[in-house]
Amino acid sequence: MAATLPGSFSKIRQHLREPLIRNSFFIMASSFVAAGFGFFFWMIAARLYSQAEVGIATALMSSMGLLILISRLGLDQSVIRFFPDYDKNRVLGTAIIVPTAAALGAGLIFISAVDVIAPELVIVRTVAPLYLAFLGAYSVTWILEGAFNAIRKSEYYFVLNLLYGSRILFLFPLISLGAMGIFSSFGFSFVLGLILALALLSRCSIRPAAGVDGTFIREAWQFSAGAYIAGILMAAPNMIIPIMVLNVLGAESTASYYITYAIVSVLFMIPYAFTTSLFVEGSHGGEMKKNVFRTLASMFTLLIPAIIGLSLFGEQILNLIGRDYIEGMALLRVLALSAIFVSICQTFISIAKVRNDIRSLIMISGFVSVALLGLGYTLMHRFGLIGMGYAWFATYAAGTFLTGVILWKKGWI
């Protein structure tokens, strides 16, 4: 027995050094770190600032996040897909300049029309240069994070997420600024992150070109557009569902859904990490079939125990937040089970990106988006809040079946 232990540990170390597993680990760790810092950031902000100030700051940050989402144009995904085959400096320069210019342009439109779009955020006009500076830093760091994953340096992505935790420290000296103190804490962390990201990038011998590569744009536009549309489709339900729950079931049910989903989303970090790493490895020309099965095996090794644990102890977690949220326990269990099917659908999406099969990518993303919203609206009217859980489970189960059919027809697996 003793003689076999060193050999076992050696195999484990070798397994962890493999790019697919190693990058998955750092991406997953980054997600957990971000979630942890996010929890403490808002817990401290809620104690130091008024509820109204927190509300305005949240809306400001949400507006910036939405501008980043619509300005990506799929180029953040193209960095991962095309880095191995193109001049990295020109690809990265293009992927920074085009989306950031789009984000700043959208930011100017938002600021100029804020009294119509969101009158409660008219304060943004008084700090427009700062808002745009934070928006630009956020945009560039977003691309650089993807670049680190693309070159299999996910440990740098992890380091950046550790640095973003500095936003907690900014909350204290900026308290006199009210809502802008919270927002500035968030923004300054991205400025620091940008400085660190550029320093880390120089260690990788990559220097973004100061110009747009028209050839790369023309050759990558179809993939970029497809990835952009698919990303919007997959993100849309998370933005729409809380509003839909509010309209159908009321504010209390909306709070229960939001908190329950926030807890279960920890499970979704596991497939996100592994499928992102699968996308990276596939883009580097790795053996796809082998990597897919290793991804699924490693993913389920972590996901199944996590689902069981959350199902057993979810009530205690909800109780820590507040007794009013315990009614979300049934929803939590159904959402947790749906993570199995979510992971398979996300795996397929990574395969489709590597294969450059834009049609299948949009087909699955569109199906999930439309089915989840349509079923959720219908089943909530009949079953209440748990109906949204049924919609998640049924949508992703059907999506898993659909991905199996596509994979079988194309002979990919």
Protein backbone atom coordinates (compact mmCIF):
# COMPACT_ATOMS: atom_id res chain seq x y z
CA MET A 1 0.00 0.00 0.00
CA ALA A 2 2.71 2.44 1.04
CA ALA A 3 4.65 1.70 -2.11
CA THR A 4 1.72 2.59 -4.32
CA LEU A 5 1.00 5.98 -2.72
CA PRO A 6 3.92 7.88 -4.29
CA GLY A 7 2.95 6.53 -7.70
CA SER A 8 -0.68 7.57 -7.14
CA PHE A 9 0.31 11.08 -6.11
CA SER A 10 2.61 11.28 -9.13
CA LYS A 11 -0.28 10.39 -11.46
CA ILE A 12 -2.49 13.01 -9.80
CA ARG A 13 0.21 15.69 -10.18
CA GLN A 14 0.70 14.71 -13.82
CA HIS A 15 -3.07 14.88 -14.38
CA LEU A 16 -3.25 18.35 -12.84
CA ARG A 17 -0.41 19.59 -15.04
CA GLU A 18 -2.32 18.78 -18.22
CA PRO A 19 -3.57 22.03 -19.84
CA LEU A 20 -7.24 20.98 -19.99
CA ILE A 21 -7.46 20.16 -16.27
CA ARG A 22 -5.04 22.86 -15.12
CA ASN A 23 -6.83 25.68 -16.93
CA SER A 24 -10.22 24.34 -15.80
CA PHE A 25 -9.01 24.47 -12.21
CA PHE A 26 -7.85 28.10 -12.43
CA ILE A 27 -10.97 29.26 -14.30
CA MET A 28 -13.17 27.56 -11.71
CA ALA A 29 -11.10 28.98 -8.84
CA SER A 30 -11.42 32.44 -10.42
CA SER A 31 -15.21 32.08 -10.50
CA PHE A 32 -15.34 31.06 -6.84
CA VAL A 33 -13.01 33.91 -5.83
CA ALA A 34 -15.12 36.42 -7.77
CA ALA A 35 -18.30 35.11 -6.14
CA GLY A 36 -16.74 35.26 -2.68
CA PHE A 37 -15.41 38.79 -3.07
CA GLY A 38 -18.75 39.84 -4.57
CA PHE A 39 -20.59 38.57 -1.52
CA PHE A 40 -18.33 40.42 0.93
CA PHE A 41 -18.30 43.57 -1.22
CA TRP A 42 -22.08 43.90 -1.09
CA MET A 43 -22.29 42.84 2.55
CA ILE A 44 -19.87 45.61 3.57
CA ALA A 45 -21.39 48.15 1.17
CA ALA A 46 -24.82 47.49 2.69
CA ARG A 47 -23.44 48.29 6.15
CA LEU A 48 -21.51 51.43 5.16
CA TYR A 49 -23.92 53.00 2.67
CA SER A 50 -27.65 53.65 2.61
CA GLN A 51 -30.03 51.36 0.75
CA ALA A 52 -30.73 54.12 -1.78
CA GLU A 53 -27.00 54.60 -2.45
CA VAL A 54 -26.53 50.86 -2.93
CA GLY A 55 -29.48 50.83 -5.33
CA ILE A 56 -28.10 53.63 -7.50
CA ALA A 57 -24.61 52.10 -7.53
CA THR A 58 -26.03 48.72 -8.53
CA ALA A 59 -27.91 50.32 -11.40
CA LEU A 60 -24.79 52.17 -12.57
CA MET A 61 -22.75 48.97 -12.57
CA SER A 62 -25.54 47.09 -14.33
CA SER A 63 -25.63 49.76 -17.03
CA MET A 64 -21.90 49.38 -17.55
CA GLY A 65 -22.18 45.59 -17.66
CA LEU A 66 -24.92 45.82 -20.27
CA LEU A 67 -22.83 48.17 -22.43
CA ILE A 68 -19.92 45.72 -22.24
CA LEU A 69 -22.20 42.82 -23.20
CA ILE A 70 -23.60 44.48 -26.32
CA SER A 71 -20.22 45.82 -27.46
CA ARG A 72 -18.24 42.53 -27.43
CA LEU A 73 -19.29 41.71 -31.02
CA GLY A 74 -18.03 38.17 -30.46
CA LEU A 75 -14.39 39.24 -30.69
CA ASP A 76 -13.69 38.08 -27.13
CA GLN A 77 -14.53 34.56 -28.33
CA SER A 78 -12.54 35.03 -31.54
CA VAL A 79 -9.42 35.72 -29.48
CA ILE A 80 -9.65 32.19 -28.06
CA ARG A 81 -10.64 30.57 -31.36
CA PHE A 82 -8.03 32.21 -33.62
CA PHE A 83 -5.06 32.91 -31.35
CA PRO A 84 -3.25 29.67 -32.27
CA ASP A 85 -3.43 30.34 -36.04
CA TYR A 86 -3.00 34.11 -36.40
CA ASP A 87 -0.55 36.81 -35.34
CA LYS A 88 -1.45 37.15 -31.66
CA ASN A 89 -0.40 40.80 -31.45
CA ARG A 90 -2.66 41.84 -34.36
CA VAL A 91 -5.58 39.68 -33.21
CA LEU A 92 -5.41 41.03 -29.67
CA GLY A 93 -5.01 44.63 -30.84
CA THR A 94 -8.10 44.31 -33.04
CA ALA A 95 -10.09 42.57 -30.29
CA ILE A 96 -9.26 45.40 -27.87
CA ILE A 97 -9.79 48.39 -30.16
CA VAL A 98 -13.06 47.47 -31.89
CA PRO A 99 -15.16 46.40 -28.85
CA THR A 100 -13.74 49.15 -26.63
CA ALA A 101 -14.53 51.80 -29.25
CA ALA A 102 -18.04 50.33 -29.51
CA ALA A 103 -18.42 50.35 -25.71
CA LEU A 104 -17.28 53.97 -25.40
CA GLY A 105 -19.59 55.00 -28.25
CA ALA A 106 -22.49 53.24 -26.56
CA GLY A 107 -21.45 54.88 -23.29
CA LEU A 108 -21.64 58.34 -24.85
CA ILE A 109 -25.11 57.58 -26.20
CA PHE A 110 -26.22 56.32 -22.80
CA ILE A 111 -24.92 59.42 -21.02
CA SER A 112 -26.51 61.81 -23.51
CA ALA A 113 -29.90 60.03 -23.36
CA VAL A 114 -29.86 59.00 -19.68
CA ASP A 115 -32.76 61.28 -18.78
CA VAL A 116 -34.92 59.25 -21.18
CA ILE A 117 -33.39 55.77 -20.74
CA ALA A 118 -32.89 55.83 -16.96
CA PRO A 119 -33.78 59.17 -15.32
CA GLU A 120 -32.78 57.87 -11.87
CA LEU A 121 -29.18 57.60 -13.14
CA VAL A 122 -28.86 61.20 -14.34
CA ILE A 123 -25.97 61.51 -11.86
CA VAL A 124 -23.83 59.81 -14.51
CA ARG A 125 -23.69 63.09 -16.44
CA THR A 126 -21.81 64.78 -13.62
CA VAL A 127 -19.10 62.10 -13.68
CA ALA A 128 -19.14 61.26 -17.40
CA PRO A 129 -15.31 61.21 -17.88
CA LEU A 130 -14.90 58.87 -14.89
CA TYR A 131 -17.73 56.62 -16.10
CA LEU A 132 -16.15 56.34 -19.56
CA ALA A 133 -12.69 55.70 -18.07
CA PHE A 134 -14.02 52.83 -15.96
CA LEU A 135 -15.98 51.53 -18.95
CA GLY A 136 -12.83 51.51 -21.10
CA ALA A 137 -10.77 49.76 -18.41
CA TYR A 138 -13.52 47.17 -17.93
CA SER A 139 -13.67 46.53 -21.69
CA VAL A 140 -9.92 46.05 -22.14
CA THR A 141 -9.49 43.82 -19.09
CA TRP A 142 -12.39 41.65 -20.28
CA ILE A 143 -10.51 40.95 -23.53
CA LEU A 144 -7.18 40.41 -21.77
CA GLU A 145 -8.76 37.88 -19.40
CA GLY A 146 -9.86 35.89 -22.44
CA ALA A 147 -6.38 36.22 -23.93
CA PHE A 148 -4.80 34.68 -20.83
CA ASN A 149 -7.16 31.72 -21.09
CA ALA A 150 -6.41 31.47 -24.83
CA ILE A 151 -2.65 31.11 -24.25
CA ARG A 152 -3.24 28.62 -21.42
CA LYS A 153 -2.20 31.07 -18.73
CA SER A 154 -5.40 30.88 -16.69
CA GLU A 155 -3.38 31.39 -13.53
CA TYR A 156 -3.04 35.03 -14.61
CA TYR A 157 -6.83 35.22 -14.93
CA PHE A 158 -6.99 33.91 -11.37
CA VAL A 159 -4.50 36.54 -10.16
CA LEU A 160 -6.60 39.29 -11.76
CA ASN A 161 -9.69 38.08 -9.91
CA LEU A 162 -7.75 38.20 -6.66
CA LEU A 163 -6.78 41.80 -7.41
CA TYR A 164 -10.41 42.72 -8.13
CA GLY A 165 -11.05 42.00 -4.46
CA SER A 166 -9.31 45.32 -3.74
CA ARG A 167 -12.66 47.00 -4.48
CA ILE A 168 -13.66 46.08 -0.91
CA LEU A 169 -10.84 48.26 0.46
CA PHE A 170 -11.92 51.27 -1.61
CA LEU A 171 -15.36 51.23 0.04
CA PHE A 172 -14.02 52.72 3.26
CA PRO A 173 -12.15 55.88 2.12
CA LEU A 174 -14.81 56.69 -0.51
CA ILE A 175 -17.81 56.53 1.82
CA SER A 176 -18.35 60.31 1.67
CA LEU A 177 -19.10 60.03 -2.07
CA GLY A 178 -22.26 57.99 -1.47
CA ALA A 179 -23.38 55.92 -4.46
CA MET A 180 -20.38 57.12 -6.47
CA GLY A 181 -18.14 55.75 -3.73
CA ILE A 182 -19.47 52.25 -4.34
CA PHE A 183 -19.32 52.66 -8.10
CA SER A 184 -15.77 54.10 -7.94
CA SER A 185 -14.64 51.18 -5.78
CA PHE A 186 -15.80 48.90 -8.54
CA GLY A 187 -14.17 50.99 -11.28
CA PHE A 188 -10.81 51.54 -9.60
CA SER A 189 -10.37 47.78 -9.21
CA PHE A 190 -10.62 47.45 -13.00
CA VAL A 191 -8.07 50.23 -13.50
CA LEU A 192 -5.66 48.35 -11.24
CA GLY A 193 -6.57 45.14 -13.03
CA LEU A 194 -5.75 46.71 -16.40
CA ILE A 195 -2.31 47.79 -15.18
CA LEU A 196 -1.57 44.32 -13.82
CA ALA A 197 -2.97 42.59 -16.93
CA LEU A 198 -0.69 44.60 -19.23
CA ALA A 199 2.29 43.77 -17.01
CA LEU A 200 1.45 40.06 -17.08
CA LEU A 201 0.87 40.19 -20.83
CA SER A 202 4.39 41.54 -21.38
CA ARG A 203 5.74 38.43 -19.63
CA CYS A 204 4.05 36.36 -22.36
CA SER A 205 5.89 38.26 -25.11
CA ILE A 206 2.59 39.61 -26.47
CA ARG A 207 2.16 43.28 -27.32
CA PRO A 208 -1.22 44.25 -28.81
CA ALA A 209 -0.82 45.95 -32.16
CA ALA A 210 -1.99 49.58 -32.30
CA GLY A 211 -4.35 49.06 -35.20
CA VAL A 212 -7.24 47.05 -36.61
CA ASP A 213 -6.40 44.03 -38.77
CA GLY A 214 -8.96 44.18 -41.59
CA THR A 215 -7.97 40.74 -42.91
CA PHE A 216 -8.61 39.13 -39.53
CA ILE A 217 -11.95 40.93 -39.20
CA ARG A 218 -13.07 39.68 -42.62
CA GLU A 219 -12.00 36.09 -41.96
CA ALA A 220 -13.36 35.93 -38.41
CA TRP A 221 -16.56 37.93 -38.85
CA GLN A 222 -18.83 34.91 -39.37
CA PHE A 223 -17.58 33.17 -36.24
CA SER A 224 -17.58 36.43 -34.25
CA ALA A 225 -21.13 37.27 -35.30
CA GLY A 226 -22.36 33.75 -34.50
CA ALA A 227 -20.65 33.72 -31.11
CA TYR A 228 -22.05 37.19 -30.39
CA ILE A 229 -25.63 36.20 -31.23
CA ALA A 230 -25.32 32.95 -29.27
CA GLY A 231 -23.92 34.82 -26.27
CA ILE A 232 -26.79 37.30 -26.31
CA LEU A 233 -29.33 34.48 -26.59
CA MET A 234 -27.82 32.58 -23.64
CA ALA A 235 -27.55 35.72 -21.49
CA ALA A 236 -31.03 37.06 -22.27
CA PRO A 237 -33.02 34.70 -19.98
CA ASN A 238 -30.94 35.67 -16.92
CA MET A 239 -31.83 39.31 -17.55
CA ILE A 240 -35.49 38.74 -18.45
CA ILE A 241 -36.58 36.03 -15.97
CA PRO A 242 -36.45 38.22 -12.81
CA ILE A 243 -38.65 40.80 -14.56
CA MET A 244 -40.99 38.04 -15.74
CA VAL A 245 -41.26 36.56 -12.24
CA LEU A 246 -42.00 40.03 -10.87
CA ASN A 247 -44.84 40.56 -13.35
CA VAL A 248 -46.36 37.09 -12.89
CA LEU A 249 -45.80 36.30 -9.19
CA GLY A 250 -44.80 39.55 -7.46
CA ALA A 251 -41.82 41.01 -5.62
CA GLU A 252 -41.48 38.36 -2.89
CA SER A 253 -41.28 35.51 -5.39
CA THR A 254 -38.79 37.53 -7.41
CA ALA A 255 -36.54 37.84 -4.36
CA SER A 256 -36.84 34.08 -3.70
CA TYR A 257 -35.94 33.28 -7.31
CA TYR A 258 -32.99 35.69 -7.38
CA ILE A 259 -31.46 34.41 -4.14
CA THR A 260 -32.06 30.75 -5.03
CA TYR A 261 -30.57 31.16 -8.48
CA ALA A 262 -27.56 33.00 -7.02
CA ILE A 263 -26.87 29.98 -4.78
CA VAL A 264 -27.32 27.40 -7.54
CA SER A 265 -25.18 29.43 -9.95
CA VAL A 266 -22.18 28.23 -7.94
CA LEU A 267 -22.83 24.82 -9.55
CA PHE A 268 -22.87 26.38 -13.01
CA MET A 269 -19.32 27.63 -12.44
CA ILE A 270 -18.07 24.04 -12.75
CA PRO A 271 -19.24 23.39 -16.33
CA TYR A 272 -18.31 26.96 -17.31
CA ALA A 273 -14.70 26.35 -16.26
CA PHE A 274 -14.33 22.97 -17.94
CA THR A 275 -16.09 23.89 -21.18
CA THR A 276 -14.09 27.11 -21.51
CA SER A 277 -10.91 25.07 -21.14
CA LEU A 278 -12.26 22.57 -23.70
CA PHE A 279 -12.81 25.46 -26.14
CA VAL A 280 -9.22 26.62 -25.60
CA GLU A 281 -7.74 23.15 -26.09
CA GLY A 282 -9.86 22.47 -29.17
CA SER A 283 -8.73 25.77 -30.68
CA HIS A 284 -5.13 24.63 -30.17
CA GLY A 285 -5.82 21.49 -32.19
CA GLY A 286 -6.13 19.03 -29.32
CA GLU A 287 -7.77 15.64 -29.92
CA MET A 288 -11.40 16.68 -29.60
CA LYS A 289 -13.10 13.36 -28.85
CA LYS A 290 -10.61 12.49 -26.12
CA ASN A 291 -10.83 15.97 -24.57
CA VAL A 292 -14.64 15.94 -24.63
CA PHE A 293 -14.85 12.69 -22.69
CA ARG A 294 -12.18 13.84 -20.24
CA THR A 295 -14.05 17.10 -19.77
CA LEU A 296 -17.34 15.31 -19.06
CA ALA A 297 -15.70 12.82 -16.69
CA SER A 298 -13.83 15.51 -14.72
CA MET A 299 -16.85 17.82 -14.71
CA PHE A 300 -19.28 15.21 -13.37
CA THR A 301 -16.75 14.04 -10.76
CA LEU A 302 -17.11 17.48 -9.16
CA LEU A 303 -20.66 18.32 -10.19
CA ILE A 304 -22.52 15.25 -8.89
CA PRO A 305 -21.25 15.53 -5.27
CA ALA A 306 -21.88 19.30 -5.40
CA ILE A 307 -25.49 18.74 -6.48
CA ILE A 308 -26.03 16.19 -3.73
CA GLY A 309 -24.47 18.47 -1.12
CA LEU A 310 -26.51 21.49 -2.15
CA SER A 311 -29.71 19.43 -2.19
CA LEU A 312 -29.00 18.16 1.34
CA PHE A 313 -27.88 21.45 2.90
CA GLY A 314 -29.68 24.01 0.75
CA GLU A 315 -32.32 24.64 3.40
CA GLN A 316 -29.67 25.63 5.95
CA ILE A 317 -28.06 27.97 3.42
CA LEU A 318 -31.38 29.62 2.62
CA ASN A 319 -32.11 29.93 6.33
CA LEU A 320 -28.84 31.83 6.83
CA ILE A 321 -30.04 34.41 4.34
CA GLY A 322 -33.50 34.65 5.89
CA ARG A 323 -36.38 32.41 6.91
CA ASP A 324 -38.55 33.94 4.20
CA TYR A 325 -36.31 32.36 1.58
CA ILE A 326 -36.73 28.74 2.75
CA GLU A 327 -39.76 28.44 0.47
CA GLY A 328 -37.29 28.41 -2.41
CA MET A 329 -35.92 25.01 -1.37
CA ALA A 330 -37.99 23.04 -3.90
CA LEU A 331 -36.87 25.41 -6.64
CA LEU A 332 -33.25 25.04 -5.51
CA ARG A 333 -33.36 21.24 -5.84
CA VAL A 334 -34.85 21.33 -9.34
CA LEU A 335 -32.38 23.97 -10.52
CA ALA A 336 -29.52 21.97 -9.02
CA LEU A 337 -30.56 18.82 -10.92
CA SER A 338 -30.82 20.81 -14.15
CA ALA A 339 -27.08 21.58 -13.81
CA ILE A 340 -26.40 18.10 -15.24
CA PHE A 341 -28.13 19.01 -18.50
CA VAL A 342 -26.74 22.56 -18.46
CA SER A 343 -23.21 21.11 -18.41
CA ILE A 344 -23.90 18.90 -21.45
CA CYS A 345 -25.39 21.78 -23.45
CA GLN A 346 -22.42 23.99 -22.58
CA THR A 347 -20.06 21.22 -23.67
CA PHE A 348 -21.83 21.08 -27.03
CA ILE A 349 -21.56 24.85 -27.41
CA SER A 350 -17.78 24.60 -26.96
CA ILE A 351 -17.62 21.79 -29.54
CA ALA A 352 -19.63 23.88 -32.02
CA LYS A 353 -17.28 26.84 -31.52
CA VAL A 354 -14.22 24.70 -32.16
CA ARG A 355 -15.85 23.14 -35.25
CA ASN A 356 -16.89 26.63 -36.40
CA ASP A 357 -20.45 25.32 -36.77
CA ILE A 358 -22.27 28.62 -36.33
CA ARG A 359 -25.63 27.19 -37.40
CA SER A 360 -25.66 24.56 -34.64
CA LEU A 361 -24.33 27.10 -32.13
CA ILE A 362 -27.18 29.51 -32.79
CA MET A 363 -29.73 26.68 -33.04
CA ILE A 364 -28.98 25.41 -29.52
CA SER A 365 -28.64 28.89 -28.00
CA GLY A 366 -31.88 30.04 -29.63
CA PHE A 367 -33.74 26.92 -28.55
CA VAL A 368 -32.62 27.28 -24.93
CA SER A 369 -33.47 30.99 -24.81
CA VAL A 370 -36.93 30.72 -26.37
CA ALA A 371 -37.92 27.47 -24.62
CA LEU A 372 -36.78 28.64 -21.19
CA LEU A 373 -38.67 31.93 -21.39
CA GLY A 374 -41.77 30.42 -22.99
CA LEU A 375 -42.00 27.42 -20.67
CA GLY A 376 -41.14 29.53 -17.63
CA TYR A 377 -43.94 31.99 -18.33
CA THR A 378 -46.46 29.17 -18.96
CA LEU A 379 -45.50 26.94 -16.04
CA MET A 380 -45.30 29.78 -13.50
CA HIS A 381 -48.95 30.55 -14.17
CA ARG A 382 -49.85 26.94 -13.43
CA PHE A 383 -47.40 25.87 -10.69
CA GLY A 384 -46.10 29.12 -9.19
CA LEU A 385 -42.38 29.73 -8.64
CA ILE A 386 -41.46 26.04 -8.89
CA GLY A 387 -42.76 26.24 -12.47
CA MET A 388 -39.64 28.19 -13.40
CA GLY A 389 -37.57 25.33 -12.00
CA TYR A 390 -39.52 22.86 -14.13
CA ALA A 391 -38.86 25.10 -17.12
CA TRP A 392 -35.09 25.06 -16.46
CA PHE A 393 -35.05 21.27 -16.10
CA ALA A 394 -37.26 20.57 -19.14
CA THR A 395 -35.49 23.10 -21.39
CA TYR A 396 -31.98 21.83 -20.75
CA ALA A 397 -33.08 18.18 -20.81
CA ALA A 398 -34.61 18.77 -24.25
CA GLY A 399 -31.50 20.74 -25.22
CA THR A 400 -29.35 17.76 -24.22
CA PHE A 401 -31.44 15.47 -26.43
CA LEU A 402 -31.14 17.94 -29.31
CA THR A 403 -27.36 18.16 -28.93
CA GLY A 404 -27.18 14.36 -28.99
CA VAL A 405 -29.10 14.27 -32.25
CA ILE A 406 -26.83 16.90 -33.82
CA LEU A 407 -23.67 15.15 -32.63
CA TRP A 408 -24.89 11.82 -33.99
CA LYS A 409 -25.86 13.26 -37.37
CA LYS A 410 -22.55 15.08 -37.78
CA GLY A 411 -20.48 12.17 -36.47
CA TRP A 412 -18.49 14.43 -34.16
CA ILE A 413 -18.43 12.10 -31.19
